[in-house]
Protein backbone atom coordinates (compact mmCIF):
# COMPACT_ATOMS: atom_id res chain seq x y z
CA MET A 1 -11.69 14.52 -8.90
CA ALA A 2 -14.55 12.47 -10.37
CA ASP A 3 -16.94 15.02 -8.87
CA ALA A 4 -15.05 17.92 -10.45
CA ALA A 5 -15.13 16.17 -13.81
CA ALA A 6 -18.90 15.58 -13.49
CA GLU A 7 -19.43 19.30 -12.80
CA LEU A 8 -17.48 20.17 -15.98
CA GLY A 9 -19.42 17.63 -18.11
CA ILE A 10 -16.41 15.42 -18.57
CA ALA A 11 -17.09 11.71 -18.89
CA VAL A 12 -15.53 9.62 -16.17
CA LEU A 13 -14.67 5.92 -16.48
CA MET A 14 -13.85 4.02 -13.25
CA PRO A 15 -13.07 0.38 -14.19
CA ASN A 16 -12.32 -2.05 -11.39
CA ARG A 17 -9.76 -3.82 -13.51
CA ILE A 18 -8.03 -1.84 -16.15
CA ARG A 19 -6.81 -5.05 -17.92
CA ASP A 20 -10.26 -6.34 -18.62
CA VAL A 21 -11.25 -6.48 -22.32
CA GLU A 22 -14.32 -4.32 -21.52
CA SER A 23 -12.18 -1.65 -19.85
CA VAL A 24 -9.75 -1.44 -22.79
CA ALA A 25 -12.70 -1.26 -25.23
CA GLU A 26 -14.29 1.70 -23.24
CA ILE A 27 -10.99 3.66 -23.32
CA ARG A 28 -10.40 2.77 -27.01
CA ALA A 29 -13.85 4.24 -27.81
CA CYS A 30 -12.63 7.54 -26.41
CA ALA A 31 -9.80 7.67 -29.01
CA PRO A 32 -7.34 9.35 -26.61
CA ASP A 33 -4.38 11.19 -28.18
CA CYS A 34 -2.34 10.49 -25.00
CA ILE A 35 -2.90 8.56 -21.74
CA VAL A 36 -1.76 10.05 -18.45
CA ALA A 37 -1.31 7.98 -15.28
CA ALA A 38 -0.47 9.40 -11.84
CA ALA A 39 -0.39 7.34 -8.66
CA TYR A 40 -2.47 4.70 -10.36
CA GLY A 41 -2.47 1.35 -8.56
CA GLN A 42 -2.89 -0.92 -11.63
CA ILE A 43 -0.60 -1.87 -14.35
CA LEU A 44 -1.77 -0.78 -17.84
CA PRO A 45 -1.97 -3.54 -20.45
CA GLN A 46 0.10 -3.32 -23.57
CA ALA A 47 -3.14 -2.77 -25.62
CA LEU A 48 -3.65 0.52 -23.84
CA LEU A 49 0.09 1.56 -24.01
CA ASP A 50 -0.08 1.10 -27.78
CA LEU A 51 -3.45 2.85 -28.24
CA PRO A 52 -2.76 6.48 -28.30
CA ALA A 53 -0.64 8.16 -31.06
CA HIS A 54 1.42 9.88 -28.33
CA GLY A 55 1.66 6.94 -25.98
CA ALA A 56 1.06 6.74 -22.31
CA VAL A 57 2.74 9.09 -19.89
CA ASN A 58 3.29 8.54 -16.19
CA VAL A 59 3.95 10.96 -13.40
CA HIS A 60 6.33 9.15 -10.96
CA ALA A 61 7.36 10.48 -7.60
CA SER A 62 11.05 9.82 -7.68
CA LEU A 63 14.19 10.55 -9.68
CA LEU A 64 14.17 7.43 -11.88
CA PRO A 65 15.81 4.96 -12.09
CA ARG A 66 15.94 5.32 -8.27
CA TRP A 67 12.79 4.04 -6.54
CA ARG A 68 10.83 2.32 -9.21
CA GLY A 69 7.71 0.76 -7.87
CA ALA A 70 4.59 1.41 -5.79
CA ALA A 71 6.10 3.35 -2.76
CA PRO A 72 8.78 5.61 -3.96
CA VAL A 73 8.07 8.48 -1.41
CA ALA A 74 8.20 6.20 1.61
CA HIS A 75 11.36 4.53 0.39
CA ALA A 76 13.07 7.73 -0.10
CA ILE A 77 12.41 8.75 3.54
CA LEU A 78 13.35 5.24 4.77
CA ALA A 79 16.75 5.52 3.01
CA GLY A 80 17.43 8.95 4.40
CA ASP A 81 17.55 10.55 0.92
CA THR A 82 18.29 14.24 1.11
CA GLU A 83 16.92 14.87 -2.37
CA THR A 84 14.01 13.46 -4.48
CA GLY A 85 11.79 14.68 -7.15
CA VAL A 86 9.39 13.72 -9.96
CA SER A 87 9.95 12.06 -13.32
CA ILE A 88 7.60 12.32 -16.34
CA MET A 89 8.12 9.05 -18.29
CA ARG A 90 6.69 7.35 -21.33
CA MET A 91 5.26 4.09 -20.07
CA ASP A 92 6.34 0.76 -21.39
CA ALA A 93 5.71 -2.87 -20.42
CA GLY A 94 8.21 -2.78 -17.49
CA LEU A 95 7.79 -1.46 -13.95
CA ASP A 96 8.65 2.35 -14.24
CA THR A 97 11.34 1.38 -16.78
CA GLY A 98 10.28 3.71 -19.72
CA PRO A 99 12.22 6.56 -21.10
CA VAL A 100 12.06 9.88 -19.21
CA TYR A 101 10.80 13.17 -20.66
CA ALA A 102 11.78 15.36 -17.84
CA GLN A 103 12.62 15.37 -14.13
CA ARG A 104 12.54 18.08 -11.43
CA ARG A 105 14.33 17.88 -8.06
CA ILE A 106 13.51 19.11 -4.54
CA PRO A 107 15.21 18.57 -1.19
CA VAL A 108 13.73 16.21 1.34
CA PRO A 109 13.10 18.03 4.63
CA ALA A 110 14.52 16.44 7.76
CA ASP A 111 11.07 16.09 9.19
CA ALA A 112 9.31 15.07 6.00
CA THR A 113 6.51 12.52 6.24
CA THR A 114 5.08 10.48 3.36
CA PRO A 115 1.89 12.59 3.27
CA SER A 116 3.71 15.97 3.33
CA LEU A 117 6.38 15.06 0.81
CA THR A 118 3.75 13.36 -1.52
CA ALA A 119 1.82 16.69 -1.43
CA SER A 120 4.96 18.67 -2.40
CA LEU A 121 5.77 16.20 -5.19
CA ALA A 122 2.18 16.14 -6.49
CA GLU A 123 2.26 19.95 -7.01
CA LEU A 124 5.64 19.83 -8.53
CA GLY A 125 4.60 16.96 -10.80
CA ALA A 126 1.51 18.65 -12.00
CA GLY A 127 3.32 21.71 -13.36
CA LEU A 128 6.01 19.51 -15.02
CA LEU A 129 3.35 17.24 -16.59
CA LEU A 130 1.75 20.25 -18.25
CA GLU A 131 5.11 21.30 -19.67
CA VAL A 132 5.78 17.85 -21.08
CA LEU A 133 2.30 17.45 -22.55
CA ASP A 134 2.69 20.89 -24.32
CA GLY A 135 5.97 19.55 -25.70
CA ILE A 136 4.41 16.34 -26.87
CA ALA A 137 1.63 18.22 -28.57
CA ILE A 138 4.06 20.25 -30.72
CA GLY A 139 6.44 17.41 -31.31
CA GLU A 140 9.35 18.86 -29.27
CA ALA A 141 9.29 16.53 -26.22
CA VAL A 142 12.12 13.97 -26.25
CA ALA A 143 12.13 10.89 -23.95
CA THR A 144 15.63 9.65 -22.93
CA ALA A 145 16.23 6.05 -21.83
CA GLN A 146 16.96 5.48 -18.19
CA PRO A 147 20.52 4.74 -17.20
CA GLU A 148 21.29 1.15 -16.18
CA ASP A 149 23.18 2.26 -13.10
CA GLY A 150 21.36 3.51 -9.97
CA VAL A 151 18.25 1.27 -10.25
CA MET A 152 16.47 0.95 -6.81
CA LEU A 153 13.15 -0.75 -6.28
CA ALA A 154 10.30 0.58 -4.06
CA PRO A 155 7.89 -2.23 -3.33
CA ARG A 156 4.70 -1.81 -1.42
CA LEU A 157 5.15 -1.78 2.36
CA GLY A 158 3.26 -3.98 4.79
CA ARG A 159 2.49 -4.25 8.51
CA ASP A 160 5.74 -6.17 9.16
CA ASP A 161 7.71 -3.16 7.96
CA GLY A 162 6.18 -1.15 10.76
CA ARG A 163 6.89 -3.58 13.61
CA ILE A 164 9.76 -2.19 15.73
CA ALA A 165 12.09 -4.21 18.05
CA TRP A 166 14.10 -1.62 19.92
CA ALA A 167 17.16 -3.94 20.10
CA ALA A 168 17.26 -4.32 16.34
CA VAL A 169 17.03 -0.75 15.22
CA SER A 170 18.80 2.66 15.74
CA ALA A 171 16.92 5.79 16.81
CA THR A 172 17.45 7.10 13.26
CA ASP A 173 15.85 3.94 11.80
CA VAL A 174 12.83 4.44 14.12
CA ASP A 175 12.44 8.13 13.19
CA ARG A 176 12.55 7.34 9.41
CA ARG A 177 9.97 4.53 9.78
CA VAL A 178 7.58 6.65 11.88
CA ARG A 179 7.72 9.40 9.20
CA ALA A 180 7.73 7.11 6.13
CA LEU A 181 5.00 4.64 7.15
CA GLN A 182 2.26 7.29 7.51
CA PRO A 183 -0.64 6.90 7.17
CA TRP A 184 -0.32 3.17 6.56
CA PRO A 185 0.85 0.70 7.73
CA GLY A 186 2.11 2.78 10.61
CA VAL A 187 4.75 1.91 13.25
CA THR A 188 4.06 -0.17 16.39
CA ALA A 189 6.56 -0.73 19.18
CA PRO A 190 6.45 -1.78 22.81
CA VAL A 191 6.42 1.12 25.27
CA ALA A 192 6.17 0.22 28.94
CA GLY A 193 5.32 -3.33 27.97
CA VAL A 194 2.43 -2.45 25.55
CA ASN A 195 2.59 -2.45 21.80
CA VAL A 196 1.43 1.05 20.78
CA ARG A 197 1.21 2.81 17.55
CA ILE A 198 3.74 5.71 17.39
CA LEU A 199 2.32 8.81 15.61
CA ALA A 200 5.16 11.26 16.15
CA GLY A 201 8.61 11.60 17.74
CA ALA A 202 12.18 12.34 16.93
CA PRO A 203 15.71 10.97 17.67
CA GLY A 204 16.89 11.88 21.19
CA ALA A 205 20.14 12.23 22.99
CA PRO A 206 22.23 9.05 23.67
CA ALA A 207 20.74 6.85 26.25
CA ALA A 208 22.58 6.07 29.57
CA ASP A 209 25.08 3.24 29.45
CA ALA A 210 22.90 1.16 31.82
CA ALA A 211 19.80 1.52 29.66
CA ARG A 212 18.61 -1.48 27.64
CA PRO A 213 16.87 -1.11 24.31
CA GLY A 214 13.23 -0.67 25.02
CA ASP A 215 13.70 0.93 28.35
CA VAL A 216 11.86 4.15 29.09
CA VAL A 217 14.85 6.24 30.27
CA ARG A 218 13.23 9.60 31.05
CA ALA A 219 10.26 11.92 30.46
CA THR A 220 10.51 15.20 28.59
CA GLY A 221 7.37 17.28 29.09
CA GLU A 222 4.62 15.23 27.54
CA ALA A 223 6.99 12.88 25.70
CA VAL A 224 9.01 9.90 26.89
CA VAL A 225 12.48 8.86 25.71
CA VAL A 226 13.01 5.14 24.91
CA ALA A 227 16.45 3.58 24.45
CA ALA A 228 17.04 1.99 20.99
CA ARG A 229 19.92 -0.16 19.75
CA ASP A 230 21.90 2.99 19.02
CA GLY A 231 20.85 6.21 20.71
CA SER A 232 17.34 6.96 21.97
CA TYR A 233 13.99 7.98 20.45
CA ARG A 234 11.67 10.55 21.88
CA VAL A 235 8.09 9.25 21.64
CA ASP A 236 5.67 12.21 21.38
CA GLN A 237 2.31 10.79 20.49
CA VAL A 238 0.88 7.22 20.56
CA VAL A 239 -2.27 5.31 20.03
CA PRO A 240 -2.62 2.47 22.60
CA PRO A 241 -4.71 -0.60 21.67
CA GLY A 242 -8.33 0.24 21.60
CA ALA A 243 -7.82 3.87 22.62
CA ARG A 244 -7.55 7.27 21.04
CA ALA A 245 -4.31 9.17 20.20
CA MET A 246 -2.61 10.68 23.25
CA THR A 247 0.73 12.00 24.40
CA ALA A 248 3.34 9.34 25.42
CA ALA A 249 3.35 10.76 28.97
CA ALA A 250 -0.41 10.56 29.24
CA PHE A 251 -0.26 6.89 28.19
CA LEU A 252 2.43 6.13 30.86
CA ARG A 253 0.27 7.96 33.59
CA GLY A 254 -2.65 5.77 32.59
CA ARG A 255 -0.51 2.65 32.83
CA ARG A 256 0.56 3.59 36.37
CA LEU A 257 -3.07 4.13 37.45
CA GLN A 258 -4.06 0.74 36.00
CA ARG A 259 -1.34 -1.03 37.99
CA ARG A 260 -2.29 0.87 41.16
CA ASP A 261 -5.95 -0.31 40.71
CA ARG A 262 -5.22 -3.89 40.43
CA PRO A 263 -6.17 -6.03 43.38
CA GLN A 264 -3.23 -7.35 45.35
CA SER A 265 -2.89 -11.06 45.46
């Protein structure tokens, strides 16, 4: 984006800390009519929110007040939401608490990942943002206060969120985490005694009654099926420690070869 702006002769400011006095002064010198934020990782200070005549507008990837915070797309997938969308809001001092100018909804595909759903919402949000800015410019845009009911928070996700214990989660939970926690922090779980990163898979058929959570119950082509607390999860692709991405079946074949090559005591 910065390269495109440079080609068009548009000045680009890239402050490390938006709250610094120097950063605020640089933006004030530009005399903006409106400030637009989209997927911005820093909180704008009140001095910037108060600066432009038309305020500061944020493009947020959820249907506010649901999923206020840094990771709305991932949390929508984790919760199994069947619908999400974008909200264009006027920013205030709170965390995504400002009044909303407009919202637009889309269904969440059953196989949605955070990158794929983010791309869809970015395109949706770009068009809606232009509509709202046009309305602001001519004085017709109206921002409505968010309802008090339905508030859900979407905090940043960390490595612990991606660590799977098969006995503690259902196959549906595993599937949602694998899709939601891409590309970071990713999901790690033990498969055949080794903690691997799971890149892709899907919920499988119920495991046999004798299977314990974590057991590899069968192979399906290049995938393997692992028993979870409820149901089973088909692991399609993994990244073993220190190795490249491979199919789950290829990983298991390698494990058998390693065991065969070990010297007998």
